[in-house]
Amino acid sequence: MNIVMFGFFQEATGLSGAIDREPRGDRPQDAVPAAGDPLAVVMTALFNLMLNLVVVFVFILAFGVTPTWTWLLLPVVIALLATLTLAIG
């Protein structure tokens, strides 16, 4: 689970930093604000995270781990991590 969460953070921050170095000459300046680029990267990475979490939960349940009530806090942790990632990006 931790590797998947770190993979999300690494993907989103790495791609957000790479966007600033790309030239913006191929699109009009006022069509999409520059602040929307990191948001798009984080949302894409968040979609990838959700797909990875499906696989993780399949493996967790296949190995017989019983769910506990603390699993309900996972959306809160993901929201906080996405906010932190967006701020860093």
C-alpha atoms as a PDB file:
ATOM      1  CA  MET A   1       0.000   0.000   0.000  1.00  0.00           C
ATOM      2  CA  ASN A   2       2.789   2.425   0.887  1.00  0.00           C
ATOM      3  CA  ILE A   3       4.606   1.799  -2.376  1.00  0.00           C
ATOM      4  CA  VAL A   4       1.445   2.564  -4.345  1.00  0.00           C
ATOM      5  CA  MET A   5       0.876   5.790  -2.396  1.00  0.00           C
ATOM      6  CA  PHE A   6       4.486   6.855  -2.873  1.00  0.00           C
ATOM      7  CA  GLY A   7       4.228   5.996  -6.565  1.00  0.00           C
ATOM      8  CA  PHE A   8       1.320   8.440  -6.849  1.00  0.00           C
ATOM      9  CA  PHE A   9       3.303  11.162  -5.121  1.00  0.00           C
ATOM     10  CA  GLN A  10       6.383  10.518  -7.230  1.00  0.00           C
ATOM     11  CA  GLU A  11       4.465  10.440 -10.517  1.00  0.00           C
ATOM     12  CA  ALA A  12       2.504  13.611  -9.840  1.00  0.00           C
ATOM     13  CA  THR A  13       5.373  15.716  -8.510  1.00  0.00           C
ATOM     14  CA  GLY A  14       7.788  14.514 -11.175  1.00  0.00           C
ATOM     15  CA  LEU A  15       5.447  15.295 -14.050  1.00  0.00           C
ATOM     16  CA  SER A  16       4.346  18.603 -12.517  1.00  0.00           C
ATOM     17  CA  GLY A  17       7.939  19.749 -12.406  1.00  0.00           C
ATOM     18  CA  ALA A  18       8.530  18.680 -15.992  1.00  0.00           C
ATOM     19  CA  ILE A  19       5.572  20.701 -17.271  1.00  0.00           C
ATOM     20  CA  ASP A  20       7.140  24.012 -16.219  1.00  0.00           C
ATOM     21  CA  ARG A  21      10.169  23.344 -18.401  1.00  0.00           C
ATOM     22  CA  GLU A  22       8.150  22.642 -21.543  1.00  0.00           C
ATOM     23  CA  PRO A  23       7.611  25.509 -23.968  1.00  0.00           C
ATOM     24  CA  ARG A  24       4.034  26.733 -24.166  1.00  0.00           C
ATOM     25  CA  GLY A  25       4.311  27.837 -27.787  1.00  0.00           C
ATOM     26  CA  ASP A  26       1.997  25.151 -29.161  1.00  0.00           C
ATOM     27  CA  ARG A  27      -1.109  26.467 -27.382  1.00  0.00           C
ATOM     28  CA  PRO A  28      -2.551  29.930 -26.915  1.00  0.00           C
ATOM     29  CA  GLN A  29      -1.512  31.632 -23.713  1.00  0.00           C
ATOM     30  CA  ASP A  30      -4.997  32.407 -22.454  1.00  0.00           C
ATOM     31  CA  ALA A  31      -6.682  29.146 -23.533  1.00  0.00           C
ATOM     32  CA  VAL A  32      -5.544  27.195 -20.453  1.00  0.00           C
ATOM     33  CA  PRO A  33      -3.995  28.935 -17.459  1.00  0.00           C
ATOM     34  CA  ALA A  34      -0.604  27.639 -16.384  1.00  0.00           C
ATOM     35  CA  ALA A  35      -1.969  26.848 -12.913  1.00  0.00           C
ATOM     36  CA  GLY A  36      -4.243  24.204 -14.444  1.00  0.00           C
ATOM     37  CA  ASP A  37      -1.346  22.096 -15.668  1.00  0.00           C
ATOM     38  CA  PRO A  38      -0.312  20.682 -12.271  1.00  0.00           C
ATOM     39  CA  LEU A  39      -3.974  20.072 -11.467  1.00  0.00           C
ATOM     40  CA  ALA A  40      -4.358  17.990 -14.619  1.00  0.00           C
ATOM     41  CA  VAL A  41      -1.218  16.019 -13.767  1.00  0.00           C
ATOM     42  CA  VAL A  42      -2.398  15.329 -10.208  1.00  0.00           C
ATOM     43  CA  MET A  43      -5.839  14.267 -11.411  1.00  0.00           C
ATOM     44  CA  THR A  44      -4.273  11.869 -13.925  1.00  0.00           C
ATOM     45  CA  ALA A  45      -1.994  10.448 -11.237  1.00  0.00           C
ATOM     46  CA  LEU A  46      -5.006  10.171  -8.914  1.00  0.00           C
ATOM     47  CA  PHE A  47      -6.841   8.121 -11.542  1.00  0.00           C
ATOM     48  CA  ASN A  48      -3.804   5.836 -11.817  1.00  0.00           C
ATOM     49  CA  LEU A  49      -3.742   5.557  -8.019  1.00  0.00           C
ATOM     50  CA  MET A  50      -7.366   4.429  -7.948  1.00  0.00           C
ATOM     51  CA  LEU A  51      -6.644   1.716 -10.514  1.00  0.00           C
ATOM     52  CA  ASN A  52      -3.614   0.577  -8.530  1.00  0.00           C
ATOM     53  CA  LEU A  53      -5.618   0.508  -5.301  1.00  0.00           C
ATOM     54  CA  VAL A  54      -8.136  -1.854  -6.882  1.00  0.00           C
ATOM     55  CA  VAL A  55      -5.299  -4.294  -7.538  1.00  0.00           C
ATOM     56  CA  VAL A  56      -3.885  -3.786  -4.046  1.00  0.00           C
ATOM     57  CA  PHE A  57      -7.255  -4.516  -2.416  1.00  0.00           C
ATOM     58  CA  VAL A  58      -7.667  -7.656  -4.503  1.00  0.00           C
ATOM     59  CA  PHE A  59      -4.317  -8.900  -3.227  1.00  0.00           C
ATOM     60  CA  ILE A  60      -5.083  -7.845   0.348  1.00  0.00           C
ATOM     61  CA  LEU A  61      -8.357  -9.745   0.362  1.00  0.00           C
ATOM     62  CA  ALA A  62      -6.804 -12.717  -1.464  1.00  0.00           C
ATOM     63  CA  PHE A  63      -4.225 -13.058   1.301  1.00  0.00           C
ATOM     64  CA  GLY A  64      -6.984 -13.155   3.916  1.00  0.00           C
ATOM     65  CA  VAL A  65      -6.480  -9.789   5.581  1.00  0.00           C
ATOM     66  CA  THR A  66      -9.691  -8.833   7.339  1.00  0.00           C
ATOM     67  CA  PRO A  67     -10.843  -5.237   6.869  1.00  0.00           C
ATOM     68  CA  THR A  68     -10.967  -2.990   9.914  1.00  0.00           C
ATOM     69  CA  TRP A  69     -12.788   0.256  10.557  1.00  0.00           C
ATOM     70  CA  THR A  70      -9.577   2.244  10.006  1.00  0.00           C
ATOM     71  CA  TRP A  71      -9.774   1.428   6.285  1.00  0.00           C
ATOM     72  CA  LEU A  72     -12.578   4.005   6.152  1.00  0.00           C
ATOM     73  CA  LEU A  73      -9.939   6.697   6.705  1.00  0.00           C
ATOM     74  CA  LEU A  74      -8.216   5.885   3.406  1.00  0.00           C
ATOM     75  CA  PRO A  75     -10.177   8.502   1.386  1.00  0.00           C
ATOM     76  CA  VAL A  76      -9.142  11.162   3.912  1.00  0.00           C
ATOM     77  CA  VAL A  77      -5.492  10.145   3.598  1.00  0.00           C
ATOM     78  CA  ILE A  78      -5.730  10.168  -0.196  1.00  0.00           C
ATOM     79  CA  ALA A  79      -7.369  13.614  -0.188  1.00  0.00           C
ATOM     80  CA  LEU A  80      -4.645  15.006   2.081  1.00  0.00           C
ATOM     81  CA  LEU A  81      -1.916  13.433  -0.043  1.00  0.00           C
ATOM     82  CA  ALA A  82      -3.476  14.801  -3.241  1.00  0.00           C
ATOM     83  CA  THR A  83      -3.661  18.276  -1.698  1.00  0.00           C
ATOM     84  CA  LEU A  84      -0.032  18.122  -0.604  1.00  0.00           C
ATOM     85  CA  THR A  85       1.012  16.845  -4.011  1.00  0.00           C
ATOM     86  CA  LEU A  86      -0.876  19.616  -5.779  1.00  0.00           C
ATOM     87  CA  ALA A  87       0.722  22.222  -3.533  1.00  0.00           C
ATOM     88  CA  ILE A  88       4.197  20.876  -4.232  1.00  0.00           C
ATOM     89  CA  GLY A  89       3.484  20.521  -7.956  1.00  0.00           C
END
